[in-house]
Amino acid sequence: MSITSSLIISRTLRAAFWLLLVAASLAMLRPEPIQIRNEFVPEEAWFHAAKAFHIVGYTLLTVLALAGYGKTNTLLIATGMLAHGGLIELIQPHVGRNGSISDVGFDGVGVVLGWAISYWLLPRTPAP
């Protein structure tokens, strides 16, 4: 792959990461949670669905970040993702939502899964 196409792919992945991060942040800081789960998930599974969204969301964000910025930045990206999860939970009570330290733990599970997926699937060279 040429340097130019590598650079385009890297920039596209970075843009996707930032767009998803902003969209997820706005969704998590709405005064009322997005009610999509009510239409697709049975009421008895709401708790598990909410935790699964945390894990899947942070897994995807971590994979995109590592793919876009390169695996040489793993510690910085993992720390940033966990800090983001913590800040979201700290801010949520100020917008009428419940913040939960356990959600940060589920975010952390997503970061670890994202790292593991990236470790096995992404090349070992830094992004351009």
N, C-alpha and C. Protein backbone atom coordinates (compact mmCIF):
# COMPACT_ATOMS: atom_id res chain seq x y z
N MET A 1 0.85 -1.17 0.00
CA MET A 1 0.00 0.00 0.00
C MET A 1 0.89 1.23 0.00
N SER A 2 0.53 2.20 -0.81
CA SER A 2 1.35 3.40 -0.91
C SER A 2 1.16 4.28 0.33
N ILE A 3 2.10 5.19 0.49
CA ILE A 3 2.03 6.13 1.63
C ILE A 3 0.77 6.98 1.52
N THR A 4 0.43 7.40 0.30
CA THR A 4 -0.74 8.25 0.11
C THR A 4 -2.02 7.53 0.50
N SER A 5 -2.20 6.29 0.04
CA SER A 5 -3.43 5.57 0.39
C SER A 5 -3.45 5.23 1.88
N SER A 6 -2.30 4.95 2.46
CA SER A 6 -2.20 4.69 3.90
C SER A 6 -2.62 5.93 4.69
N LEU A 7 -2.19 7.08 4.23
CA LEU A 7 -2.52 8.34 4.89
C LEU A 7 -4.02 8.63 4.79
N ILE A 8 -4.60 8.36 3.63
CA ILE A 8 -6.04 8.58 3.45
C ILE A 8 -6.84 7.66 4.37
N ILE A 9 -6.45 6.39 4.43
CA ILE A 9 -7.14 5.45 5.31
C ILE A 9 -7.00 5.88 6.77
N SER A 10 -5.80 6.27 7.16
CA SER A 10 -5.55 6.69 8.54
C SER A 10 -6.40 7.92 8.89
N ARG A 11 -6.45 8.89 7.99
CA ARG A 11 -7.24 10.10 8.26
C ARG A 11 -8.74 9.80 8.29
N THR A 12 -9.18 8.88 7.46
CA THR A 12 -10.59 8.48 7.46
C THR A 12 -10.95 7.81 8.78
N LEU A 13 -10.08 6.92 9.25
CA LEU A 13 -10.32 6.25 10.53
C LEU A 13 -10.31 7.25 11.69
N ARG A 14 -9.41 8.22 11.63
CA ARG A 14 -9.38 9.26 12.67
C ARG A 14 -10.66 10.07 12.67
N ALA A 15 -11.13 10.45 11.48
CA ALA A 15 -12.37 11.22 11.37
C ALA A 15 -13.55 10.40 11.91
N ALA A 16 -13.59 9.11 11.56
CA ALA A 16 -14.66 8.24 12.06
C ALA A 16 -14.61 8.15 13.58
N PHE A 17 -13.41 8.04 14.13
CA PHE A 17 -13.25 7.99 15.59
C PHE A 17 -13.83 9.25 16.23
N TRP A 18 -13.42 10.42 15.74
CA TRP A 18 -13.86 11.66 16.37
C TRP A 18 -15.36 11.89 16.19
N LEU A 19 -15.90 11.55 15.02
CA LEU A 19 -17.35 11.68 14.82
C LEU A 19 -18.13 10.78 15.77
N LEU A 20 -17.68 9.53 15.89
CA LEU A 20 -18.35 8.60 16.80
C LEU A 20 -18.20 9.04 18.25
N LEU A 21 -17.04 9.54 18.62
CA LEU A 21 -16.81 10.00 20.00
C LEU A 21 -17.73 11.17 20.33
N VAL A 22 -17.84 12.12 19.43
CA VAL A 22 -18.71 13.28 19.66
C VAL A 22 -20.17 12.83 19.72
N ALA A 23 -20.59 11.98 18.78
CA ALA A 23 -21.98 11.50 18.76
C ALA A 23 -22.31 10.73 20.03
N ALA A 24 -21.40 9.85 20.45
CA ALA A 24 -21.63 9.07 21.67
C ALA A 24 -21.67 9.98 22.89
N SER A 25 -20.78 10.96 22.94
CA SER A 25 -20.75 11.88 24.07
C SER A 25 -22.05 12.66 24.17
N LEU A 26 -22.53 13.16 23.05
CA LEU A 26 -23.79 13.91 23.05
C LEU A 26 -24.95 13.01 23.48
N ALA A 27 -24.95 11.77 23.00
CA ALA A 27 -26.02 10.84 23.37
C ALA A 27 -25.99 10.54 24.87
N MET A 28 -24.79 10.39 25.42
CA MET A 28 -24.67 10.05 26.84
C MET A 28 -24.92 11.24 27.75
N LEU A 29 -24.91 12.46 27.18
CA LEU A 29 -25.13 13.65 28.00
C LEU A 29 -26.49 14.29 27.76
N ARG A 30 -27.35 13.60 27.04
CA ARG A 30 -28.73 14.09 26.88
C ARG A 30 -29.43 13.97 28.24
N PRO A 31 -30.33 14.91 28.53
CA PRO A 31 -31.05 14.82 29.81
C PRO A 31 -31.84 13.53 29.94
N GLU A 32 -32.27 12.98 28.85
CA GLU A 32 -33.04 11.73 28.88
C GLU A 32 -32.32 10.74 27.97
N PRO A 33 -32.08 9.54 28.44
CA PRO A 33 -31.39 8.57 27.58
C PRO A 33 -32.17 8.31 26.29
N ILE A 34 -31.45 8.03 25.24
CA ILE A 34 -32.11 7.68 23.98
C ILE A 34 -32.91 6.41 24.22
N GLN A 35 -34.15 6.42 23.82
CA GLN A 35 -35.07 5.34 24.15
C GLN A 35 -35.14 4.23 23.10
N ILE A 36 -34.11 4.08 22.30
CA ILE A 36 -34.11 3.04 21.27
C ILE A 36 -34.26 1.65 21.87
N ARG A 37 -33.72 1.48 23.06
CA ARG A 37 -33.80 0.16 23.69
C ARG A 37 -35.25 -0.26 23.94
N ASN A 38 -36.13 0.72 24.21
CA ASN A 38 -37.53 0.40 24.50
C ASN A 38 -38.22 -0.29 23.34
N GLU A 39 -37.76 0.02 22.13
CA GLU A 39 -38.38 -0.55 20.94
C GLU A 39 -37.80 -1.90 20.56
N PHE A 40 -36.55 -2.15 20.91
CA PHE A 40 -35.85 -3.34 20.43
C PHE A 40 -35.47 -4.35 21.51
N VAL A 41 -35.49 -3.92 22.75
CA VAL A 41 -35.01 -4.79 23.83
C VAL A 41 -36.14 -5.01 24.84
N PRO A 42 -36.40 -6.25 25.22
CA PRO A 42 -37.42 -6.49 26.25
C PRO A 42 -37.03 -5.81 27.56
N GLU A 43 -38.04 -5.37 28.30
CA GLU A 43 -37.79 -4.62 29.53
C GLU A 43 -36.88 -5.35 30.51
N GLU A 44 -37.02 -6.66 30.62
CA GLU A 44 -36.20 -7.41 31.57
C GLU A 44 -34.71 -7.44 31.18
N ALA A 45 -34.39 -7.04 29.95
CA ALA A 45 -32.99 -7.05 29.49
C ALA A 45 -32.39 -5.65 29.41
N TRP A 46 -33.10 -4.62 29.85
CA TRP A 46 -32.62 -3.25 29.73
C TRP A 46 -31.27 -3.04 30.42
N PHE A 47 -31.12 -3.53 31.62
CA PHE A 47 -29.86 -3.34 32.34
C PHE A 47 -28.70 -3.94 31.55
N HIS A 48 -28.87 -5.19 31.12
CA HIS A 48 -27.80 -5.86 30.38
C HIS A 48 -27.53 -5.17 29.04
N ALA A 49 -28.58 -4.70 28.40
CA ALA A 49 -28.42 -4.00 27.13
C ALA A 49 -27.62 -2.71 27.33
N ALA A 50 -27.91 -1.98 28.39
CA ALA A 50 -27.20 -0.73 28.66
C ALA A 50 -25.71 -0.99 28.87
N LYS A 51 -25.39 -2.04 29.61
CA LYS A 51 -23.98 -2.36 29.86
C LYS A 51 -23.31 -2.86 28.58
N ALA A 52 -24.06 -3.61 27.77
CA ALA A 52 -23.51 -4.08 26.49
C ALA A 52 -23.21 -2.89 25.57
N PHE A 53 -24.07 -1.86 25.60
CA PHE A 53 -23.81 -0.67 24.78
C PHE A 53 -22.51 0.00 25.21
N HIS A 54 -22.25 0.05 26.51
CA HIS A 54 -20.99 0.63 26.99
C HIS A 54 -19.81 -0.18 26.44
N ILE A 55 -19.88 -1.47 26.58
CA ILE A 55 -18.76 -2.33 26.15
C ILE A 55 -18.55 -2.24 24.64
N VAL A 56 -19.62 -2.38 23.88
CA VAL A 56 -19.50 -2.36 22.42
C VAL A 56 -19.04 -0.98 21.93
N GLY A 57 -19.60 0.07 22.52
CA GLY A 57 -19.22 1.43 22.12
C GLY A 57 -17.75 1.71 22.35
N TYR A 58 -17.26 1.38 23.53
CA TYR A 58 -15.85 1.65 23.82
C TYR A 58 -14.91 0.69 23.09
N THR A 59 -15.40 -0.50 22.77
CA THR A 59 -14.60 -1.40 21.93
C THR A 59 -14.41 -0.78 20.56
N LEU A 60 -15.50 -0.34 19.96
CA LEU A 60 -15.43 0.26 18.63
C LEU A 60 -14.59 1.53 18.63
N LEU A 61 -14.79 2.39 19.62
CA LEU A 61 -14.00 3.62 19.70
C LEU A 61 -12.51 3.31 19.83
N THR A 62 -12.17 2.33 20.64
CA THR A 62 -10.76 1.98 20.84
C THR A 62 -10.15 1.41 19.56
N VAL A 63 -10.89 0.54 18.88
CA VAL A 63 -10.38 -0.02 17.62
C VAL A 63 -10.16 1.10 16.60
N LEU A 64 -11.13 1.99 16.46
CA LEU A 64 -10.97 3.10 15.51
C LEU A 64 -9.78 3.99 15.87
N ALA A 65 -9.64 4.30 17.16
CA ALA A 65 -8.52 5.15 17.59
C ALA A 65 -7.18 4.49 17.31
N LEU A 66 -7.06 3.22 17.66
CA LEU A 66 -5.80 2.52 17.44
C LEU A 66 -5.52 2.33 15.95
N ALA A 67 -6.56 2.10 15.16
CA ALA A 67 -6.37 1.95 13.72
C ALA A 67 -5.97 3.29 13.08
N GLY A 68 -6.55 4.37 13.57
CA GLY A 68 -6.26 5.67 12.99
C GLY A 68 -4.97 6.31 13.46
N TYR A 69 -4.63 6.09 14.72
CA TYR A 69 -3.46 6.75 15.30
C TYR A 69 -2.27 5.82 15.48
N GLY A 70 -2.47 4.55 15.27
CA GLY A 70 -1.36 3.61 15.38
C GLY A 70 -1.24 3.01 16.76
N LYS A 71 -0.77 1.79 16.76
CA LYS A 71 -0.67 1.06 18.04
C LYS A 71 0.48 1.53 18.90
N THR A 72 1.31 2.43 18.40
CA THR A 72 2.37 2.96 19.25
C THR A 72 1.80 3.91 20.31
N ASN A 73 0.55 4.33 20.12
CA ASN A 73 -0.11 5.24 21.06
C ASN A 73 -1.09 4.51 21.98
N THR A 74 -0.91 3.22 22.18
CA THR A 74 -1.89 2.41 22.90
C THR A 74 -2.17 2.92 24.31
N LEU A 75 -1.15 3.20 25.08
CA LEU A 75 -1.35 3.64 26.46
C LEU A 75 -2.06 4.99 26.50
N LEU A 76 -1.67 5.90 25.65
CA LEU A 76 -2.31 7.21 25.59
C LEU A 76 -3.79 7.07 25.21
N ILE A 77 -4.07 6.25 24.21
CA ILE A 77 -5.45 6.06 23.76
C ILE A 77 -6.28 5.38 24.86
N ALA A 78 -5.75 4.34 25.47
CA ALA A 78 -6.49 3.64 26.53
C ALA A 78 -6.77 4.58 27.70
N THR A 79 -5.79 5.37 28.09
CA THR A 79 -5.96 6.33 29.18
C THR A 79 -7.01 7.37 28.81
N GLY A 80 -6.94 7.87 27.59
CA GLY A 80 -7.91 8.86 27.13
C GLY A 80 -9.32 8.32 27.08
N MET A 81 -9.46 7.08 26.65
CA MET A 81 -10.79 6.47 26.58
C MET A 81 -11.38 6.28 27.99
N LEU A 82 -10.55 5.84 28.92
CA LEU A 82 -11.03 5.67 30.30
C LEU A 82 -11.35 7.02 30.94
N ALA A 83 -10.53 8.02 30.65
CA ALA A 83 -10.81 9.36 31.17
C ALA A 83 -12.12 9.89 30.59
N HIS A 84 -12.35 9.65 29.31
CA HIS A 84 -13.61 10.07 28.69
C HIS A 84 -14.80 9.41 29.39
N GLY A 85 -14.71 8.09 29.61
CA GLY A 85 -15.79 7.39 30.29
C GLY A 85 -16.04 7.94 31.68
N GLY A 86 -14.96 8.23 32.41
CA GLY A 86 -15.10 8.79 33.75
C GLY A 86 -15.70 10.18 33.74
N LEU A 87 -15.26 11.01 32.81
CA LEU A 87 -15.81 12.38 32.73
C LEU A 87 -17.29 12.37 32.37
N ILE A 88 -17.66 11.49 31.46
CA ILE A 88 -19.08 11.38 31.09
C ILE A 88 -19.91 11.04 32.33
N GLU A 89 -19.43 10.09 33.11
CA GLU A 89 -20.18 9.69 34.31
C GLU A 89 -20.21 10.79 35.36
N LEU A 90 -19.16 11.61 35.43
CA LEU A 90 -19.14 12.74 36.37
C LEU A 90 -20.08 13.86 35.94
N ILE A 91 -20.22 14.05 34.63
CA ILE A 91 -21.06 15.13 34.11
C ILE A 91 -22.54 14.74 34.09
N GLN A 92 -22.84 13.47 33.89
CA GLN A 92 -24.23 13.04 33.75
C GLN A 92 -25.17 13.53 34.87
N PRO A 93 -24.77 13.51 36.15
CA PRO A 93 -25.69 14.01 37.18
C PRO A 93 -26.05 15.50 37.01
N HIS A 94 -25.21 16.25 36.32
CA HIS A 94 -25.46 17.68 36.12
C HIS A 94 -26.41 17.94 34.95
N VAL A 95 -26.74 16.90 34.20
CA VAL A 95 -27.70 17.04 33.10
C VAL A 95 -28.93 16.18 33.34
N GLY A 96 -29.14 15.79 34.59
CA GLY A 96 -30.34 15.05 34.94
C GLY A 96 -30.26 13.55 34.73
N ARG A 97 -29.06 13.02 34.56
CA ARG A 97 -28.88 11.57 34.38
C ARG A 97 -28.17 11.02 35.61
N ASN A 98 -28.12 9.71 35.72
CA ASN A 98 -27.39 9.07 36.82
C ASN A 98 -26.03 8.63 36.33
N GLY A 99 -25.00 9.14 36.97
CA GLY A 99 -23.65 8.67 36.67
C GLY A 99 -23.37 7.43 37.49
N SER A 100 -22.56 6.53 36.95
CA SER A 100 -22.29 5.28 37.65
C SER A 100 -20.83 4.87 37.46
N ILE A 101 -20.16 4.63 38.56
CA ILE A 101 -18.76 4.19 38.48
C ILE A 101 -18.67 2.82 37.81
N SER A 102 -19.71 2.01 37.97
CA SER A 102 -19.67 0.69 37.32
C SER A 102 -19.67 0.82 35.80
N ASP A 103 -20.30 1.89 35.28
CA ASP A 103 -20.28 2.11 33.83
C ASP A 103 -18.86 2.36 33.34
N VAL A 104 -18.05 3.04 34.15
CA VAL A 104 -16.65 3.25 33.78
C VAL A 104 -15.93 1.90 33.71
N GLY A 105 -16.27 1.00 34.60
CA GLY A 105 -15.71 -0.35 34.54
C GLY A 105 -16.10 -1.07 33.26
N PHE A 106 -17.37 -0.93 32.85
CA PHE A 106 -17.79 -1.54 31.59
C PHE A 106 -17.12 -0.87 30.40
N ASP A 107 -16.90 0.44 30.49
CA ASP A 107 -16.14 1.13 29.45
C ASP A 107 -14.72 0.56 29.37
N GLY A 108 -14.13 0.30 30.53
CA GLY A 108 -12.80 -0.29 30.59
C GLY A 108 -12.74 -1.66 29.95
N VAL A 109 -13.79 -2.45 30.15
CA VAL A 109 -13.86 -3.76 29.49
C VAL A 109 -13.85 -3.56 27.97
N GLY A 110 -14.60 -2.57 27.50
CA GLY A 110 -14.61 -2.27 26.07
C GLY A 110 -13.25 -1.83 25.56
N VAL A 111 -12.54 -1.03 26.34
CA VAL A 111 -11.20 -0.58 25.94
C VAL A 111 -10.26 -1.79 25.83
N VAL A 112 -10.31 -2.68 26.80
CA VAL A 112 -9.46 -3.88 26.76
C VAL A 112 -9.82 -4.76 25.56
N LEU A 113 -11.11 -4.95 25.31
CA LEU A 113 -11.52 -5.74 24.14
C LEU A 113 -11.07 -5.07 22.84
N GLY A 114 -11.21 -3.75 22.78
CA GLY A 114 -10.76 -3.02 21.59
C GLY A 114 -9.27 -3.16 21.37
N TRP A 115 -8.52 -3.10 22.47
CA TRP A 115 -7.07 -3.30 22.36
C TRP A 115 -6.77 -4.71 21.86
N ALA A 116 -7.44 -5.71 22.42
CA ALA A 116 -7.19 -7.10 22.03
C ALA A 116 -7.52 -7.32 20.55
N ILE A 117 -8.65 -6.80 20.12
CA ILE A 117 -9.01 -6.93 18.71
C ILE A 117 -7.98 -6.25 17.83
N SER A 118 -7.58 -5.05 18.22
CA SER A 118 -6.58 -4.31 17.45
C SER A 118 -5.24 -5.02 17.42
N TYR A 119 -4.87 -5.60 18.54
CA TYR A 119 -3.58 -6.29 18.62
C TYR A 119 -3.51 -7.41 17.60
N TRP A 120 -4.62 -8.14 17.45
CA TRP A 120 -4.62 -9.28 16.54
C TRP A 120 -4.90 -8.92 15.10
N LEU A 121 -5.63 -7.83 14.86
CA LEU A 121 -6.06 -7.52 13.50
C LEU A 121 -5.26 -6.43 12.79
N LEU A 122 -4.69 -5.51 13.55
CA LEU A 122 -4.01 -4.38 12.92
C LEU A 122 -2.53 -4.66 12.73
N PRO A 123 -1.94 -4.07 11.69
CA PRO A 123 -0.50 -4.22 11.51
C PRO A 123 0.26 -3.58 12.67
N ARG A 124 1.46 -4.00 12.85
CA ARG A 124 2.25 -3.54 13.99
C ARG A 124 3.04 -2.26 13.71
N THR A 125 2.72 -1.60 12.63
CA THR A 125 3.43 -0.36 12.29
C THR A 125 2.61 0.83 12.72
N PRO A 126 3.27 1.95 13.06
CA PRO A 126 2.52 3.14 13.47
C PRO A 126 1.76 3.73 12.27
N ALA A 127 0.67 4.40 12.57
CA ALA A 127 -0.10 5.06 11.52
C ALA A 127 0.70 6.23 10.98
N PRO A 128 0.51 6.56 9.70
CA PRO A 128 1.24 7.72 9.11
C PRO A 128 0.74 9.03 9.70
